[in-house]
């Protein structure tokens, strides 16, 4: 259940959920650690995407990229939560690996 919450928490509270989850839950086993790291890396990557979109809003295309990042963020978070619920290790396709195991 914790792995599912780690992936769904960014939809509501941004990177704070995965960050707290990583520091609090990383010692609960390799499955939780893997999902905490994946959720945190993906959330940081999406934050960078949002920041780039805000800068690009000065040339209009940022509005479209902002919504694209939002949609990708929600869709992949839901996919990751479903995979975690099925007991699978999931790796986000676009996440930059800032935090390593």
C-alpha atoms as a PDB file:
ATOM      1  CA  UNK A   1       0.000   0.000   0.000  1.00  0.00           C
ATOM      2  CA  UNK A   2       2.844   2.418   0.752  1.00  0.00           C
ATOM      3  CA  UNK A   3       4.241   2.017  -2.753  1.00  0.00           C
ATOM      4  CA  UNK A   4       0.867   2.950  -4.240  1.00  0.00           C
ATOM      5  CA  UNK A   5       0.639   6.063  -2.066  1.00  0.00           C
ATOM      6  CA  UNK A   6       4.180   7.071  -2.997  1.00  0.00           C
ATOM      7  CA  UNK A   7       3.183   7.188  -6.656  1.00  0.00           C
ATOM      8  CA  UNK A   8      -0.186   8.887  -6.172  1.00  0.00           C
ATOM      9  CA  UNK A   9       0.896  11.506  -3.620  1.00  0.00           C
ATOM     10  CA  UNK A  10       2.514  13.849  -6.198  1.00  0.00           C
ATOM     11  CA  UNK A  11      -0.890  14.365  -7.805  1.00  0.00           C
ATOM     12  CA  UNK A  12      -1.956  16.197  -4.641  1.00  0.00           C
ATOM     13  CA  UNK A  13       1.179  17.385  -2.818  1.00  0.00           C
ATOM     14  CA  UNK A  14       3.903  17.534  -5.477  1.00  0.00           C
ATOM     15  CA  UNK A  15       7.355  16.217  -4.599  1.00  0.00           C
ATOM     16  CA  UNK A  16       6.818  16.443  -0.825  1.00  0.00           C
ATOM     17  CA  UNK A  17       5.048  13.058  -0.637  1.00  0.00           C
ATOM     18  CA  UNK A  18       7.756  11.027  -2.387  1.00  0.00           C
ATOM     19  CA  UNK A  19      10.496  12.958  -0.562  1.00  0.00           C
ATOM     20  CA  UNK A  20       9.054  12.257   2.881  1.00  0.00           C
ATOM     21  CA  UNK A  21       8.203   8.718   1.803  1.00  0.00           C
ATOM     22  CA  UNK A  22      11.770   8.099   0.694  1.00  0.00           C
ATOM     23  CA  UNK A  23      13.301   9.221   3.978  1.00  0.00           C
ATOM     24  CA  UNK A  24      10.703   7.504   6.179  1.00  0.00           C
ATOM     25  CA  UNK A  25      10.050   4.273   4.263  1.00  0.00           C
ATOM     26  CA  UNK A  26      13.317   3.450   2.470  1.00  0.00           C
ATOM     27  CA  UNK A  27      14.303   0.913   5.138  1.00  0.00           C
ATOM     28  CA  UNK A  28      11.089  -1.127   4.829  1.00  0.00           C
ATOM     29  CA  UNK A  29      12.525  -3.364   2.134  1.00  0.00           C
ATOM     30  CA  UNK A  30      13.734  -3.318  -1.450  1.00  0.00           C
ATOM     31  CA  UNK A  31      10.238  -3.080  -2.970  1.00  0.00           C
ATOM     32  CA  UNK A  32       9.292   0.077  -1.053  1.00  0.00           C
ATOM     33  CA  UNK A  33      12.774   1.567  -1.543  1.00  0.00           C
ATOM     34  CA  UNK A  34      12.569   1.002  -5.306  1.00  0.00           C
ATOM     35  CA  UNK A  35       9.164   2.661  -5.596  1.00  0.00           C
ATOM     36  CA  UNK A  36      10.142   5.545  -3.308  1.00  0.00           C
ATOM     37  CA  UNK A  37      13.207   6.262  -5.440  1.00  0.00           C
ATOM     38  CA  UNK A  38      11.247   5.972  -8.688  1.00  0.00           C
ATOM     39  CA  UNK A  39       8.473   8.276  -7.457  1.00  0.00           C
ATOM     40  CA  UNK A  40      10.978  10.844  -6.185  1.00  0.00           C
ATOM     41  CA  UNK A  41      13.032  10.821  -9.398  1.00  0.00           C
ATOM     42  CA  UNK A  42       9.924  11.143 -11.551  1.00  0.00           C
ATOM     43  CA  UNK A  43       8.573  13.989  -9.444  1.00  0.00           C
ATOM     44  CA  UNK A  44      11.856  15.899  -9.684  1.00  0.00           C
ATOM     45  CA  UNK A  45      11.913  15.313 -13.448  1.00  0.00           C
ATOM     46  CA  UNK A  46       8.345  16.606 -13.775  1.00  0.00           C
ATOM     47  CA  UNK A  47       9.228  19.670 -11.657  1.00  0.00           C
ATOM     48  CA  UNK A  48      11.979  20.453 -14.156  1.00  0.00           C
ATOM     49  CA  UNK A  49       9.445  20.001 -16.963  1.00  0.00           C
ATOM     50  CA  UNK A  50       7.072  22.436 -15.260  1.00  0.00           C
ATOM     51  CA  UNK A  51       9.867  24.985 -14.783  1.00  0.00           C
ATOM     52  CA  UNK A  52      10.850  24.783 -18.450  1.00  0.00           C
ATOM     53  CA  UNK A  53       7.191  25.160 -19.416  1.00  0.00           C
ATOM     54  CA  UNK A  54       6.865  28.312 -17.321  1.00  0.00           C
ATOM     55  CA  UNK A  55       9.888  29.811 -19.073  1.00  0.00           C
ATOM     56  CA  UNK A  56       8.452  28.817 -22.453  1.00  0.00           C
ATOM     57  CA  UNK A  57       5.167  30.568 -21.659  1.00  0.00           C
ATOM     58  CA  UNK A  58       6.834  33.782 -22.788  1.00  0.00           C
ATOM     59  CA  UNK A  59       6.796  32.360 -26.316  1.00  0.00           C
ATOM     60  CA  UNK A  60       3.281  30.842 -26.027  1.00  0.00           C
ATOM     61  CA  UNK A  61       4.335  27.203 -26.505  1.00  0.00           C
ATOM     62  CA  UNK A  62       4.805  26.881 -22.750  1.00  0.00           C
ATOM     63  CA  UNK A  63       1.056  26.740 -22.230  1.00  0.00           C
ATOM     64  CA  UNK A  64       0.901  23.561 -24.295  1.00  0.00           C
ATOM     65  CA  UNK A  65       3.991  22.006 -22.747  1.00  0.00           C
ATOM     66  CA  UNK A  66       2.695  22.789 -19.246  1.00  0.00           C
ATOM     67  CA  UNK A  67      -0.509  20.841 -19.886  1.00  0.00           C
ATOM     68  CA  UNK A  68       1.445  18.048 -21.573  1.00  0.00           C
ATOM     69  CA  UNK A  69       3.677  17.703 -18.508  1.00  0.00           C
ATOM     70  CA  UNK A  70       0.609  17.685 -16.253  1.00  0.00           C
ATOM     71  CA  UNK A  71      -1.090  14.952 -18.269  1.00  0.00           C
ATOM     72  CA  UNK A  72       2.078  12.832 -18.474  1.00  0.00           C
ATOM     73  CA  UNK A  73       2.605  13.256 -14.742  1.00  0.00           C
ATOM     74  CA  UNK A  74      -0.868  12.038 -13.804  1.00  0.00           C
ATOM     75  CA  UNK A  75      -1.006   9.207 -16.352  1.00  0.00           C
ATOM     76  CA  UNK A  76       2.368   7.720 -15.434  1.00  0.00           C
ATOM     77  CA  UNK A  77       1.676   8.103 -11.700  1.00  0.00           C
ATOM     78  CA  UNK A  78      -1.506   6.067 -12.121  1.00  0.00           C
ATOM     79  CA  UNK A  79       0.303   3.435 -14.205  1.00  0.00           C
ATOM     80  CA  UNK A  80       3.041   3.181 -11.561  1.00  0.00           C
ATOM     81  CA  UNK A  81       0.463   2.861  -8.771  1.00  0.00           C
ATOM     82  CA  UNK A  82      -1.296   0.042 -10.624  1.00  0.00           C
ATOM     83  CA  UNK A  83       2.021  -1.760 -11.190  1.00  0.00           C
ATOM     84  CA  UNK A  84       2.919  -1.340  -7.503  1.00  0.00           C
ATOM     85  CA  UNK A  85      -0.479  -2.730  -6.547  1.00  0.00           C
ATOM     86  CA  UNK A  86       0.254  -5.779  -8.720  1.00  0.00           C
ATOM     87  CA  UNK A  87       3.563  -6.266  -6.898  1.00  0.00           C
ATOM     88  CA  UNK A  88       5.707  -5.315  -9.894  1.00  0.00           C
ATOM     89  CA  UNK A  89       8.817  -3.172  -9.936  1.00  0.00           C
ATOM     90  CA  UNK A  90       8.094  -0.206 -12.203  1.00  0.00           C
ATOM     91  CA  UNK A  91      10.486   2.307 -13.690  1.00  0.00           C
ATOM     92  CA  UNK A  92       9.160   5.554 -15.155  1.00  0.00           C
ATOM     93  CA  UNK A  93      10.195   5.913 -18.812  1.00  0.00           C
ATOM     94  CA  UNK A  94      11.090   9.633 -18.680  1.00  0.00           C
ATOM     95  CA  UNK A  95      12.557   9.924 -15.182  1.00  0.00           C
ATOM     96  CA  UNK A  96      16.099  11.187 -14.763  1.00  0.00           C
ATOM     97  CA  UNK A  97      17.905   9.181 -12.076  1.00  0.00           C
ATOM     98  CA  UNK A  98      18.821  11.846  -9.506  1.00  0.00           C
ATOM     99  CA  UNK A  99      18.518   9.488  -6.525  1.00  0.00           C
ATOM    100  CA  UNK A 100      20.068   6.063  -6.871  1.00  0.00           C
ATOM    101  CA  UNK A 101      19.490   2.960  -4.755  1.00  0.00           C
END
